Structure formats: structure tokens, C-alpha cells
Amino acid sequence: MQLQTSMLENQIGAVLFGKGDGPRLGNPFWLVWRENGRALQSGWHEVETLRAAIAQAEEGVRAQATHLELCLTDGYREVSGKDFDVRFPASARGRLGLEIRHREALLRIAPTRTIATNRGFRRELDRFAMRSGESSANLLQAARIRSFEARQFLITLSAPGKVHELYRGSRIVAFQEVDRDLLQATISDLCTWLRENLKRDGRMTYKYWPSSGEESQANNTIRQFMATVALGRIAARSQSASDAEAARRNLGYNLSAFYREIEGVGVIIWDDKAKLGAIALAALAILEFRQAGLIDPRHYRDEFDGLCRAVDALWQANGSFRTFLVPAERNDNQNFYPGEALLFWASLYRANQDDALLGKCIRSFSYYRDWHLREPNPAFVPWHSQAYVMLYEDTSNAELATFVLDRNEWLLAMQQWDMTIAPDFRGRFYDPRHPEYGPPHASATGVYMEGLADAWRLARSHGDRREENFALALRRGLRNVRQLQFVDPEIDAFYVHRKAAVMGGLRTETYNNEIRVDNVQHCLMALLKIEHESDFPW
């Protein structure tokens, strides 16, 4: 079916509101009646018209429903079992449908159902195999498997009613929409999510699954203390008493839950791990809270001093860091934790102007510059960029500036903007040629933007030609962040029942609706840096 969108939307709207039969439908189509996200009735229909399918719905369901989800299918293609994972990659979730026939059993999954359940193709295959009493391997050999495409629509049933055509269960954020107003709206919504997900006792939601409406029991102390830093920056920005109280509540909860002393040093420990990154970010949170006037400088003095001793203990004379106090034999995550520690030290040096501390920072810069260049990894760049820009601004050490500008220019190649990729992917940071760099992820895009925001400010102060490229990358990144955000409870959260828990949050990817706290805080802290620059070029 190749009807123009406006014509098809008009025909769908007409039949729903009592005028005409709608388009003639030659393929199966998927209908879900929903009440504020909750599915009341769903199923596949193989009748000729939409009107006939609507007539099959129970009268009570039609009266109760607030929205109707519709997929019109087309473009069916055979898929051999050996090509299953190639033809059904994660990036096709929400764009392709899956059909499996085996004996008398049929499984057909609409793209919008994939989005609503957050289940991947392989998981659907495994579930079907379990119900059929077969192994997935046998099904791949014996079953008939097809992919199909679908036009996706969401119809608002309350007066006056509206038909929205969706792309992967959402709407595309056009690059033309990216301006300061969009920046402000995105920041506001990110702040809303953090406020909504802070519990009364100060605990922050770590990971939330919108499809099931459940919170994960997993946790990560580095990401929790980064969220604490973000709450402090929200409070400093808003000057709101309620935001300040929320930030203090979260800091107090996290220190109470995770701070311990081991052999004379303070550590952040959870799951029998005391990581350099968590120790440094907890110390950074206390430091920033003091500087913003959120806590008295005497508050958490013992904890702060203990954390500082721990960072010192992990620093080595050659400039490197050990990355774990517990277990002591671990020394991995070198692309992450030393940069987090140096960001804390750069902030501390700005506060105390201690020459001995500066000497350690510069020695670490020399060590990690050479270490990184031997085997570059993009995850290294944003943390070190933020630290080195601070140190450059306080020391005018030209080597720091040169390294930051060079590494962020190198990072730009990771940002996807090619017109051949899906439009909802554009602006994210992901290099499919280097799977070792990690999968696409909202938190990765956010942290890269944090470093790029500082690199842009540095380039601007130097009159460096790369200023424009960094600014363009940040605008493109904002487009991607807004694409991932739950913005409209009626549209991109159409399948979510507990809407307050997700609004303003960032999905991990457009095809993976899991919300993790670092998705939100990394992107927020990057955008706050852009907001602070009144002359940022839009």
C-alpha cells in the first residue's frame, strides 16, 4: 500500500469517526485498543476493511479505549533460518515485523508490539519455541519465517480525534527543530524525570523498564553518584529550596548506603567492589555541593577526607591509577575511572590551588596521553577532556588544550549522520566498524557531548577552526537526545501505563526503551553546559 500519508491518515480517521470503510486492505493488520497505555484488546485481522475490524471489537472495549494502535503490513519476505540474526538485527526492532509458521502454530509480531513489549526478535523466537515444545534451533530449520514491513498509526479516540503516523513507535525529531527552545524543553523534561524518580528516602531509581512498569534491582555506584552531581547542578541552576532539599537527601542516602572506611581510607563499596570512579565521583559530589552552598563545608568532612585519601592511595608515582581498592588485584576500566578521578582532582585544584595536586594531575596527563594514543578508545575522551579543560583554564598549559582539541576532533567520526541510516538514529555516537567501542547507547552519546561541550568552549576561546564542527556535533547530538526522550504521553509513551515514571526519561536506544539513570544525567549535564553559553551558535 503506497497511499500518501495525508490521504491514508484521512481515510483512517474517516472510518473511525463514522465516515466510510477506509482503505482496502489486502494483508493482515494489527489492532490494539488501549486505555491510557493499557492494552484492552489486541489481535490480527484479515478482513478487507478497517471498518469491519472495528466492528469486531467488543462494545465495552470501544467505549473504554482512549487510543487505537494500528499496523498495516506489506512487503513480506522469506527468511532462511541461518540468516535469522542477520535479517532481524536489533536495529530493525520497531521497523520490521516477524512471522513464524510451524505446523498449525503461527506467530506474528507487529513492529509496534516489539516496541511496546521491548522484546527482541531472538527472544520472540525462543518464547515461540518454548510454547511449541521445540528448540529454537529446530524451529530455525523447520519453520517458515518471514519478515514484513508496516505503516504504523496511533489514533487518539477522544474528541476531536487525531491520526498520527509513527516511525518505530514514535515521531521523528527534525534537525530543523533543534534550537535553544528545544534545548530548554529537553533540559526541563530531564529534570522532571530525576525529580520524579527520587524516592522519599533519597534513593534514586537506577534502571526502569517502561514496558512492564517495573524497576530493576540492579545498581551501580558510579552512576548513582553521577546522578547526585546532576541533582546538585539542578539545584544550583534553579535556586529552588525543594531541589536543594532533594539533592541533599540523595547525597545523604548514597553516603549512608555506600560509604565505608577500610584501612584508614574512605571507600564507596557495593557488591564487594570499591571502584576508583565511584570514590572520585562521590568526592566530587560533596565538593560541588559545598561550592553551590547546598551543604555547610563542615558537613561530610570525614567522608570527604576519607575519599580524598582513597584517590591518593590509588595514584601511582608514574602518573597512573590503580582502579580498584576492592578487589585489590583488579586494575581494569582504565578508559573510565582515571578520567573520573582526574575530573575530581581538576575541580579540587580549582578550589584549593594546591601545587602538589597540580603536579600529580600533570604527571597523570602525560602518562594517560601516551597510554591512550597507543590504543585509542573513545570512552577515554570525554572524562579526560573535562578534566584537562579545567586544568588548562587554570594553568594555560598548552599541551592540555592541544590534546583535548585533537581527541575531540577524532571523536567526531563516531557520530552518525549519514542519510543512509535510519532517521531516528541520526546524531548518536556509534561506530559499527569498531564493535569493541560498545553498542549505541544514550549514556554514551551524553558523556561524549559533555566532553565536546568543553572542547567547543576551548576552541571558541582559541578562535580554532574546529569550533564550528564541535557546535554542529552538539546540535546533532541534541536532536538524538530529544529523539530518545519520552516527551508526549499520548504518542511515544502510547503503550506505557505508569506514565509519570517515564516522562522526561531517555530510552537507551530508539528500539530499547530501558531507562537508566546515567542516560538522563549524562545528557542533562552536557545540555546544561550548552545552556550556560549564551553565544552558542544555533
Foldseek 3Di string as FASTA:
>chain_A
DDDDPVVQQVQVVQLLVPHDFGQFAQDKKKKFFAALQATPDIDIDRDGTPNVVVVPDDPVSVVRGFKMKMKRKDDKDWDQLVCVCVVFPLQCQLFKWKWKDDDPDIDTGHSVNCQLQVDGPVVVLCVVCVVVVHHSVVSSHGITMIMIGIFIWMWGNPPPIGIDTARSQFHAQDLVPQDVVLLVLLLVFLVLLQVLQQDPQQDGQFWAAQNVRDGDPDDDLLLLLLSLLLLLVVCLVVVDPVSLVSSVSNLVVQCVVFWDDDPQAIFGDDPQWTWLSNLLSNLLSLVSCCVSVSDPVVPCPVNNVRSVVVQVVQADPQLAGQTTPGVNPDRDPSLANVLSNLLSLLSVCVVPVDPVSVVSSVSNVVVVLVVCVVPPALSNQLSLLNNLLSVCVVPVPVVSLVSNLVSLVVQLVQADADPVRDSLRHLWGHDPVCCVNDDTWLLVLLSSLNSLLSNLVSCVVVVHPCNVVSLVSNSRNSSNQVSQAQDDSVGSVVNGNPVSNGHSFGAGGSSGRMGGSSSSSSNSNSSVSVVVDPPRDD
